[in-house]
């Protein structure tokens, strides 16, 4: 199995990306908007440098404006960094990239987190094969 050797120079940065209609009143903090949590790979010599690179990458690469199907013009932008996680294992089949602690939950709730192959494939087909996925609040 081919692996990418990891030293202490790789991090996963989680960026929070937001989409809203252009010209919308932004004074209401309770307004509804589309939000994505994007995980990106960052090569940096320290956690501080990884954070700075993630912010810069988000500002330079995640700004998009277009006319939506609804006819409204929408704007995507990165709100900021949610987390920076060091990659501790070599990258390859079975290498753990990150994990989430869901706390002390019921076995029933844990089981609802598991999806069948069919569910996953159906969702990918619906999203045109993209990696966009639904994320449930865990914090």
C-alpha atoms as a PDB file:
ATOM      1  CA  UNK A   1       0.000   0.000   0.000  1.00  0.00           C
ATOM      2  CA  UNK A   2       1.402   3.391  -1.022  1.00  0.00           C
ATOM      3  CA  UNK A   3       1.416   5.974   1.770  1.00  0.00           C
ATOM      4  CA  UNK A   4       2.357   9.604   2.062  1.00  0.00           C
ATOM      5  CA  UNK A   5       4.764   9.856   4.971  1.00  0.00           C
ATOM      6  CA  UNK A   6       3.606  12.417   7.499  1.00  0.00           C
ATOM      7  CA  UNK A   7       5.963  14.439   9.605  1.00  0.00           C
ATOM      8  CA  UNK A   8       4.783  17.213  11.873  1.00  0.00           C
ATOM      9  CA  UNK A   9       4.107  19.472   8.889  1.00  0.00           C
ATOM     10  CA  UNK A  10       0.546  18.448   7.918  1.00  0.00           C
ATOM     11  CA  UNK A  11      -2.704  19.772   9.383  1.00  0.00           C
ATOM     12  CA  UNK A  12      -6.394  19.610   8.559  1.00  0.00           C
ATOM     13  CA  UNK A  13      -8.043  23.010   8.751  1.00  0.00           C
ATOM     14  CA  UNK A  14     -11.813  23.256   9.057  1.00  0.00           C
ATOM     15  CA  UNK A  15     -13.157  26.358   7.335  1.00  0.00           C
ATOM     16  CA  UNK A  16     -16.683  27.684   7.869  1.00  0.00           C
ATOM     17  CA  UNK A  17     -18.121  28.854   4.552  1.00  0.00           C
ATOM     18  CA  UNK A  18     -21.341  30.870   4.265  1.00  0.00           C
ATOM     19  CA  UNK A  19     -23.665  31.659   1.338  1.00  0.00           C
ATOM     20  CA  UNK A  20     -26.182  34.487   1.295  1.00  0.00           C
ATOM     21  CA  UNK A  21     -28.190  36.469  -1.214  1.00  0.00           C
ATOM     22  CA  UNK A  22     -26.371  39.627  -2.316  1.00  0.00           C
ATOM     23  CA  UNK A  23     -28.036  42.787  -0.980  1.00  0.00           C
ATOM     24  CA  UNK A  24     -29.736  40.995   1.879  1.00  0.00           C
ATOM     25  CA  UNK A  25     -30.109  42.846   5.198  1.00  0.00           C
ATOM     26  CA  UNK A  26     -27.194  41.540   7.250  1.00  0.00           C
ATOM     27  CA  UNK A  27     -28.139  43.370  10.445  1.00  0.00           C
ATOM     28  CA  UNK A  28     -30.292  40.451  11.647  1.00  0.00           C
ATOM     29  CA  UNK A  29     -27.952  37.923  13.308  1.00  0.00           C
ATOM     30  CA  UNK A  30     -30.771  35.319  13.261  1.00  0.00           C
ATOM     31  CA  UNK A  31     -31.187  35.378   9.465  1.00  0.00           C
ATOM     32  CA  UNK A  32     -31.018  31.997   7.697  1.00  0.00           C
ATOM     33  CA  UNK A  33     -28.087  31.196   5.421  1.00  0.00           C
ATOM     34  CA  UNK A  34     -26.364  28.172   3.915  1.00  0.00           C
ATOM     35  CA  UNK A  35     -23.263  27.119   5.854  1.00  0.00           C
ATOM     36  CA  UNK A  36     -20.672  24.469   5.028  1.00  0.00           C
ATOM     37  CA  UNK A  37     -17.772  23.134   7.078  1.00  0.00           C
ATOM     38  CA  UNK A  38     -14.895  22.397   4.675  1.00  0.00           C
ATOM     39  CA  UNK A  39     -11.838  20.361   5.661  1.00  0.00           C
ATOM     40  CA  UNK A  40      -8.654  21.286   3.799  1.00  0.00           C
ATOM     41  CA  UNK A  41      -5.123  19.922   4.014  1.00  0.00           C
ATOM     42  CA  UNK A  42      -2.422  22.431   5.031  1.00  0.00           C
ATOM     43  CA  UNK A  43       1.357  22.010   5.004  1.00  0.00           C
ATOM     44  CA  UNK A  44       2.924  24.185   7.710  1.00  0.00           C
ATOM     45  CA  UNK A  45       5.730  24.057  10.252  1.00  0.00           C
ATOM     46  CA  UNK A  46       3.516  25.023  13.209  1.00  0.00           C
ATOM     47  CA  UNK A  47      -0.101  25.256  14.327  1.00  0.00           C
ATOM     48  CA  UNK A  48       0.128  29.049  14.136  1.00  0.00           C
ATOM     49  CA  UNK A  49       1.408  28.963  10.560  1.00  0.00           C
ATOM     50  CA  UNK A  50      -1.300  26.411   9.638  1.00  0.00           C
ATOM     51  CA  UNK A  51      -3.977  28.760  10.988  1.00  0.00           C
ATOM     52  CA  UNK A  52      -2.606  31.722   9.035  1.00  0.00           C
ATOM     53  CA  UNK A  53      -2.353  29.664   5.833  1.00  0.00           C
ATOM     54  CA  UNK A  54      -5.919  28.379   6.278  1.00  0.00           C
ATOM     55  CA  UNK A  55      -7.263  31.930   6.685  1.00  0.00           C
ATOM     56  CA  UNK A  56      -5.330  33.110   3.619  1.00  0.00           C
ATOM     57  CA  UNK A  57      -6.394  30.071   1.574  1.00  0.00           C
ATOM     58  CA  UNK A  58     -10.039  30.591   2.540  1.00  0.00           C
ATOM     59  CA  UNK A  59     -10.003  34.267   1.561  1.00  0.00           C
ATOM     60  CA  UNK A  60      -8.226  33.608  -1.739  1.00  0.00           C
ATOM     61  CA  UNK A  61     -10.043  30.463  -2.878  1.00  0.00           C
ATOM     62  CA  UNK A  62     -13.535  30.350  -1.379  1.00  0.00           C
ATOM     63  CA  UNK A  63     -15.045  33.589  -2.639  1.00  0.00           C
ATOM     64  CA  UNK A  64     -17.664  32.954  -5.299  1.00  0.00           C
ATOM     65  CA  UNK A  65     -20.549  35.021  -6.622  1.00  0.00           C
ATOM     66  CA  UNK A  66     -23.121  33.772  -9.125  1.00  0.00           C
ATOM     67  CA  UNK A  67     -26.788  33.806 -10.130  1.00  0.00           C
ATOM     68  CA  UNK A  68     -28.616  30.924  -8.423  1.00  0.00           C
ATOM     69  CA  UNK A  69     -31.441  28.874  -9.935  1.00  0.00           C
ATOM     70  CA  UNK A  70     -33.846  31.096  -7.963  1.00  0.00           C
ATOM     71  CA  UNK A  71     -32.628  34.091  -9.994  1.00  0.00           C
ATOM     72  CA  UNK A  72     -30.992  35.696  -6.952  1.00  0.00           C
ATOM     73  CA  UNK A  73     -27.311  36.546  -6.969  1.00  0.00           C
ATOM     74  CA  UNK A  74     -25.568  34.748  -4.104  1.00  0.00           C
ATOM     75  CA  UNK A  75     -22.152  35.205  -2.528  1.00  0.00           C
ATOM     76  CA  UNK A  76     -20.061  32.499  -0.841  1.00  0.00           C
ATOM     77  CA  UNK A  77     -17.284  33.474   1.547  1.00  0.00           C
ATOM     78  CA  UNK A  78     -15.329  31.982   4.416  1.00  0.00           C
ATOM     79  CA  UNK A  79     -16.323  33.208   7.866  1.00  0.00           C
ATOM     80  CA  UNK A  80     -13.169  31.805   9.432  1.00  0.00           C
ATOM     81  CA  UNK A  81     -11.412  28.776  10.844  1.00  0.00           C
ATOM     82  CA  UNK A  82     -13.333  26.367  13.092  1.00  0.00           C
ATOM     83  CA  UNK A  83     -10.407  24.140  14.001  1.00  0.00           C
ATOM     84  CA  UNK A  84      -6.884  23.070  13.107  1.00  0.00           C
ATOM     85  CA  UNK A  85      -6.046  19.398  13.583  1.00  0.00           C
ATOM     86  CA  UNK A  86      -2.584  17.860  13.212  1.00  0.00           C
ATOM     87  CA  UNK A  87      -2.330  14.820  10.932  1.00  0.00           C
ATOM     88  CA  UNK A  88      -0.661  12.249  13.166  1.00  0.00           C
ATOM     89  CA  UNK A  89      -0.589   9.198  10.890  1.00  0.00           C
ATOM     90  CA  UNK A  90       0.766   8.512   7.435  1.00  0.00           C
ATOM     91  CA  UNK A  91      -1.795   9.258   4.749  1.00  0.00           C
ATOM     92  CA  UNK A  92      -2.936   6.046   3.050  1.00  0.00           C
ATOM     93  CA  UNK A  93      -5.619   3.370   3.279  1.00  0.00           C
ATOM     94  CA  UNK A  94      -6.791   3.193   6.871  1.00  0.00           C
ATOM     95  CA  UNK A  95      -4.815   6.225   8.060  1.00  0.00           C
ATOM     96  CA  UNK A  96      -6.837   8.231  10.572  1.00  0.00           C
ATOM     97  CA  UNK A  97      -7.070  11.855   9.466  1.00  0.00           C
ATOM     98  CA  UNK A  98      -9.273  13.197  12.245  1.00  0.00           C
ATOM     99  CA  UNK A  99     -11.894  12.124  14.731  1.00  0.00           C
ATOM    100  CA  UNK A 100     -14.796  13.696  16.621  1.00  0.00           C
ATOM    101  CA  UNK A 101     -15.865  13.059  20.194  1.00  0.00           C
ATOM    102  CA  UNK A 102     -19.653  12.904  20.286  1.00  0.00           C
ATOM    103  CA  UNK A 103     -19.708  12.595  24.055  1.00  0.00           C
ATOM    104  CA  UNK A 104     -21.860  10.343  26.183  1.00  0.00           C
ATOM    105  CA  UNK A 105     -24.783   9.519  23.896  1.00  0.00           C
ATOM    106  CA  UNK A 106     -27.258   6.670  23.706  1.00  0.00           C
ATOM    107  CA  UNK A 107     -26.505   3.553  21.704  1.00  0.00           C
ATOM    108  CA  UNK A 108     -29.617   4.380  19.683  1.00  0.00           C
ATOM    109  CA  UNK A 109     -28.245   7.828  18.798  1.00  0.00           C
ATOM    110  CA  UNK A 110     -24.864   6.324  17.879  1.00  0.00           C
ATOM    111  CA  UNK A 111     -26.589   3.876  15.520  1.00  0.00           C
ATOM    112  CA  UNK A 112     -28.355   6.752  13.719  1.00  0.00           C
ATOM    113  CA  UNK A 113     -24.930   8.092  12.687  1.00  0.00           C
ATOM    114  CA  UNK A 114     -24.245   5.004  10.557  1.00  0.00           C
ATOM    115  CA  UNK A 115     -25.437   5.002   6.948  1.00  0.00           C
ATOM    116  CA  UNK A 116     -25.689   2.152   4.478  1.00  0.00           C
ATOM    117  CA  UNK A 117     -23.663   1.980   1.290  1.00  0.00           C
ATOM    118  CA  UNK A 118     -26.881   2.595  -0.646  1.00  0.00           C
ATOM    119  CA  UNK A 119     -27.624   5.786   1.335  1.00  0.00           C
ATOM    120  CA  UNK A 120     -24.124   7.119   0.785  1.00  0.00           C
ATOM    121  CA  UNK A 121     -24.125   6.320  -2.951  1.00  0.00           C
ATOM    122  CA  UNK A 122     -27.580   7.877  -3.364  1.00  0.00           C
ATOM    123  CA  UNK A 123     -26.429  11.071  -1.642  1.00  0.00           C
ATOM    124  CA  UNK A 124     -23.282  11.262  -3.791  1.00  0.00           C
ATOM    125  CA  UNK A 125     -25.390  10.792  -6.929  1.00  0.00           C
ATOM    126  CA  UNK A 126     -27.753  13.535  -5.764  1.00  0.00           C
ATOM    127  CA  UNK A 127     -24.765  15.855  -5.219  1.00  0.00           C
ATOM    128  CA  UNK A 128     -23.240  14.987  -8.572  1.00  0.00           C
ATOM    129  CA  UNK A 129     -20.524  12.934  -6.908  1.00  0.00           C
ATOM    130  CA  UNK A 130     -19.242  15.877  -4.891  1.00  0.00           C
ATOM    131  CA  UNK A 131     -17.952  15.464  -1.373  1.00  0.00           C
ATOM    132  CA  UNK A 132     -20.544  17.861   0.008  1.00  0.00           C
ATOM    133  CA  UNK A 133     -22.352  16.080   2.789  1.00  0.00           C
ATOM    134  CA  UNK A 134     -24.791  16.820   5.491  1.00  0.00           C
ATOM    135  CA  UNK A 135     -23.182  17.461   8.826  1.00  0.00           C
ATOM    136  CA  UNK A 136     -25.022  17.174  12.089  1.00  0.00           C
ATOM    137  CA  UNK A 137     -24.183  19.570  14.881  1.00  0.00           C
ATOM    138  CA  UNK A 138     -21.869  17.899  17.360  1.00  0.00           C
ATOM    139  CA  UNK A 139     -20.865  20.886  19.449  1.00  0.00           C
END
